[in-house]
Amino acid sequence: MGTVRRVFVEKRKGFDVAAQGLLHDLRDNLGMHTLTSVRIINRYDVEGISDEAYSAARMTIFAEPPVDVIYDETLPVRGNVRVSFQHPLDEGVTGVIAAVVGLLTGSAQDGGFKGIGGQFVRRNLQAFGVQQPLALRFTRSDTGATVDAAAELSRVPPHPEMPELMRHCMRGEADAAQARRFGELWQQRVARILLEHWDDPAVFHLTAVA
């Protein structure tokens, strides 16, 4: 009997139509009005194929990465992730990034939730100024699985109008049309980064740590 690989696949927020439909059905038809969210996660157990075939199937047959989240072997638990940052908290936009990472992972700094009965502790799960190869390191506290991550957003250049518009906005000199134009171009660049370059290794660097 060969190795059995397990992969979990869940639709990303905004693409989770089936989960949202089930949520509304449970609330409206069964009276479960206090229910606030539903997740639908598909589990696949795979055996008898090569590593190369599994790797290809993982990203094409089992899931569509632009709309799916993929978990290998076990499901992560929110709050069971430690995050370390290469730069100090007060350097550049590290603090802003840490806030976003906290929302995504449940990790917090020393002011985070203390937990209940030793469980659900969220504080002291973020560390700063750590010597590591890339900007971020994520470590699951249950399995120890670790990945280093970084983003080179300069690889997705802004629209040529943006630098001048940004200067006007920052100086308080932008009129309503300029401010609106800057906002549109900013959101367009964010959309390009997330939708066109989500799997671009030149932009996003992910390295599993042995």
Protein backbone atom coordinates (compact mmCIF):
# COMPACT_ATOMS: atom_id res chain seq x y z
CA MET A 1 0.00 0.00 0.00
CA GLY A 2 1.46 3.35 -1.08
CA THR A 3 1.55 6.67 0.67
CA VAL A 4 -1.83 8.34 0.99
CA ARG A 5 -1.76 12.09 0.55
CA ARG A 6 -4.58 14.22 1.89
CA VAL A 7 -5.55 17.64 0.62
CA PHE A 8 -8.35 19.94 1.75
CA VAL A 9 -9.87 22.51 -0.61
CA GLU A 10 -12.10 25.44 0.29
CA LYS A 11 -13.48 28.27 -1.83
CA ARG A 12 -12.03 31.69 -1.09
CA LYS A 13 -14.25 34.40 0.33
CA GLY A 14 -16.25 35.90 -2.49
CA PHE A 15 -16.22 32.62 -4.40
CA ASP A 16 -17.87 30.53 -1.65
CA VAL A 17 -21.30 30.62 -3.30
CA ALA A 18 -22.33 27.16 -2.09
CA ALA A 19 -21.36 27.93 1.52
CA GLN A 20 -23.24 31.24 1.47
CA GLY A 21 -26.28 29.51 -0.03
CA LEU A 22 -26.21 26.88 2.70
CA LEU A 23 -25.86 29.59 5.34
CA HIS A 24 -28.95 31.42 4.08
CA ASP A 25 -30.86 28.15 3.81
CA LEU A 26 -30.07 27.21 7.42
CA ARG A 27 -30.94 30.67 8.69
CA ASP A 28 -34.11 31.21 6.66
CA ASN A 29 -35.59 27.71 6.49
CA LEU A 30 -34.42 26.11 9.74
CA GLY A 31 -34.55 29.22 11.91
CA MET A 32 -30.85 29.10 12.86
CA HIS A 33 -30.70 32.88 13.03
CA THR A 34 -27.64 33.04 15.29
CA LEU A 35 -25.55 31.19 12.69
CA THR A 36 -23.09 33.65 11.18
CA SER A 37 -20.94 31.57 8.83
CA VAL A 38 -20.65 28.22 7.11
CA ARG A 39 -17.61 26.61 5.52
CA ILE A 40 -17.64 23.84 2.94
CA ILE A 41 -14.32 21.99 2.74
CA ASN A 42 -13.69 19.16 0.29
CA ARG A 43 -11.22 16.45 1.35
CA TYR A 44 -9.32 14.35 -1.15
CA ASP A 45 -7.23 11.28 -0.27
CA VAL A 46 -4.84 10.36 -3.08
CA GLU A 47 -2.80 7.20 -3.51
CA GLY A 48 -0.82 5.47 -6.22
CA ILE A 49 0.47 8.45 -8.22
CA SER A 50 3.91 10.00 -8.50
CA ASP A 51 4.99 13.17 -6.74
CA GLU A 52 5.00 15.00 -10.07
CA ALA A 53 1.48 13.85 -10.95
CA TYR A 54 0.19 14.74 -7.49
CA SER A 55 1.77 18.20 -7.63
CA ALA A 56 0.13 18.87 -10.99
CA ALA A 57 -3.26 17.48 -9.92
CA ARG A 58 -3.20 19.47 -6.68
CA MET A 59 -3.20 22.77 -8.58
CA THR A 60 -5.45 21.79 -11.51
CA ILE A 61 -7.80 18.90 -10.75
CA PHE A 62 -8.43 19.23 -7.01
CA ALA A 63 -8.38 23.01 -6.88
CA GLU A 64 -8.28 26.23 -8.85
CA PRO A 65 -5.79 28.41 -6.96
CA PRO A 66 -7.32 31.76 -8.00
CA VAL A 67 -10.61 30.82 -6.30
CA ASP A 68 -9.62 28.03 -3.87
CA VAL A 69 -7.56 27.75 -0.69
CA ILE A 70 -5.53 24.53 -0.47
CA TYR A 71 -4.43 22.82 2.76
CA ASP A 72 -2.11 19.82 2.80
CA GLU A 73 -2.61 16.88 5.20
CA THR A 74 -4.35 18.76 8.04
CA LEU A 75 -6.55 21.82 8.41
CA PRO A 76 -4.88 24.79 10.09
CA VAL A 77 -6.57 26.29 13.12
CA ARG A 78 -6.86 30.05 13.44
CA GLY A 79 -4.56 31.24 16.21
CA ASN A 80 -2.24 28.23 15.90
CA VAL A 81 0.21 30.14 13.75
CA ARG A 82 3.29 32.01 14.93
CA VAL A 83 4.63 34.76 12.68
CA SER A 84 8.07 36.33 12.77
CA PHE A 85 9.10 39.45 10.91
CA GLN A 86 12.54 40.24 9.58
CA HIS A 87 12.20 43.94 10.35
CA PRO A 88 11.46 45.77 13.63
CA LEU A 89 7.85 46.65 14.36
CA ASP A 90 8.40 50.41 13.90
CA GLU A 91 10.36 50.13 10.66
CA GLY A 92 8.62 51.12 7.43
CA VAL A 93 5.23 49.45 6.98
CA THR A 94 6.03 46.44 9.19
CA GLY A 95 3.38 47.45 11.72
CA VAL A 96 0.72 47.71 9.03
CA ILE A 97 1.69 44.32 7.60
CA ALA A 98 1.60 42.82 11.11
CA ALA A 99 -1.95 44.11 11.61
CA VAL A 100 -3.10 42.50 8.36
CA VAL A 101 -1.28 39.25 9.18
CA GLY A 102 -2.99 39.26 12.57
CA LEU A 103 -6.40 39.49 10.95
CA LEU A 104 -5.58 36.58 8.65
CA THR A 105 -3.90 34.24 11.13
CA GLY A 106 -5.24 35.25 14.54
CA SER A 107 -1.70 35.95 15.74
CA ALA A 108 -1.18 38.98 17.98
CA GLN A 109 1.55 40.80 19.87
CA ASP A 110 1.89 41.01 23.67
CA GLY A 111 -1.41 42.88 23.94
CA GLY A 112 -3.41 40.07 22.34
CA PHE A 113 -5.99 37.78 23.91
CA LYS A 114 -4.68 35.88 26.95
CA GLY A 115 -6.89 32.86 26.34
CA ILE A 116 -9.33 30.87 28.47
CA GLY A 117 -8.08 27.99 30.58
CA GLY A 118 -4.83 27.88 28.64
CA GLN A 119 -6.62 27.66 25.29
CA PHE A 120 -7.23 30.15 22.46
CA VAL A 121 -4.17 32.22 23.42
CA ARG A 122 -3.44 34.79 20.74
CA ARG A 123 -0.82 37.05 22.34
CA ASN A 124 2.94 36.80 21.82
CA LEU A 125 2.48 35.02 18.50
CA GLN A 126 4.28 37.75 16.55
CA ALA A 127 8.00 38.48 16.83
CA PHE A 128 9.96 41.29 15.18
CA GLY A 129 13.55 41.96 14.15
CA VAL A 130 14.22 38.25 13.67
CA GLN A 131 17.19 37.06 11.62
CA GLN A 132 15.64 35.02 8.79
CA PRO A 133 16.04 34.75 5.01
CA LEU A 134 12.78 36.45 3.97
CA ALA A 135 10.50 39.15 5.36
CA LEU A 136 7.97 36.80 6.97
CA ARG A 137 8.03 33.36 8.53
CA PHE A 138 4.82 31.45 9.33
CA THR A 139 4.99 28.44 11.66
CA ARG A 140 2.09 26.19 12.59
CA SER A 141 2.21 25.46 16.31
CA ASP A 142 0.44 22.10 15.89
CA THR A 143 2.64 20.53 13.20
CA GLY A 144 5.70 22.79 13.17
CA ALA A 145 5.35 23.25 9.41
CA THR A 146 7.11 26.46 8.45
CA VAL A 147 7.20 28.64 5.36
CA ASP A 148 9.17 31.79 4.61
CA ALA A 149 7.46 34.47 2.52
CA ALA A 150 8.18 37.79 0.88
CA ALA A 151 6.67 40.02 -1.79
CA GLU A 152 8.45 42.21 -4.32
CA LEU A 153 5.61 44.50 -5.32
CA SER A 154 7.97 46.68 -7.35
CA ARG A 155 7.72 43.93 -9.95
CA VAL A 156 4.19 45.19 -10.62
CA PRO A 157 4.86 48.83 -11.57
CA PRO A 158 2.21 51.46 -10.84
CA HIS A 159 0.43 53.42 -13.54
CA PRO A 160 2.63 56.31 -14.78
CA GLU A 161 0.15 58.85 -13.39
CA MET A 162 0.34 57.54 -9.84
CA PRO A 163 3.57 59.16 -8.56
CA GLU A 164 2.43 62.68 -9.43
CA LEU A 165 -1.09 62.07 -8.15
CA MET A 166 0.33 60.68 -4.90
CA ARG A 167 2.43 63.80 -4.40
CA HIS A 168 -0.65 66.01 -4.85
CA CYS A 169 -2.67 63.88 -2.43
CA MET A 170 0.04 63.80 0.23
CA ARG A 171 0.49 67.58 0.04
CA GLY A 172 -3.24 68.19 0.26
CA GLU A 173 -3.19 69.80 -3.18
CA ALA A 174 -5.29 67.21 -5.05
CA ASP A 175 -8.78 68.21 -6.19
CA ALA A 176 -11.69 65.78 -6.06
CA ALA A 177 -11.05 64.42 -9.55
CA GLN A 178 -7.35 63.81 -8.86
CA ALA A 179 -8.07 62.09 -5.55
CA ARG A 180 -10.68 59.90 -7.22
CA ARG A 181 -8.29 59.04 -10.06
CA PHE A 182 -5.54 58.13 -7.61
CA GLY A 183 -7.92 55.83 -5.73
CA GLU A 184 -8.99 54.13 -8.95
CA LEU A 185 -5.41 53.53 -10.08
CA TRP A 186 -4.42 52.27 -6.61
CA GLN A 187 -7.26 49.72 -6.58
CA GLN A 188 -6.44 48.66 -10.14
CA ARG A 189 -2.86 47.92 -9.13
CA VAL A 190 -4.01 45.94 -6.10
CA ALA A 191 -6.31 43.93 -8.37
CA ARG A 192 -3.44 43.26 -10.79
CA ILE A 193 -1.21 42.06 -7.96
CA LEU A 194 -3.82 39.72 -6.49
CA LEU A 195 -5.49 38.45 -9.66
CA GLU A 196 -2.75 38.50 -12.30
CA HIS A 197 0.36 37.89 -10.22
CA TRP A 198 -0.88 35.70 -7.35
CA ASP A 199 1.30 32.82 -8.60
CA ASP A 200 4.14 34.88 -10.05
CA PRO A 201 7.38 33.71 -8.37
CA ALA A 202 9.01 36.99 -9.34
CA VAL A 203 6.50 38.82 -7.12
CA PHE A 204 5.70 36.38 -4.31
CA HIS A 205 8.44 34.24 -2.80
CA LEU A 206 7.42 31.19 -0.75
CA THR A 207 9.97 28.72 0.60
CA ALA A 208 9.18 25.72 2.79
CA VAL A 209 11.58 25.43 5.72
CA ALA A 210 12.81 21.93 6.46
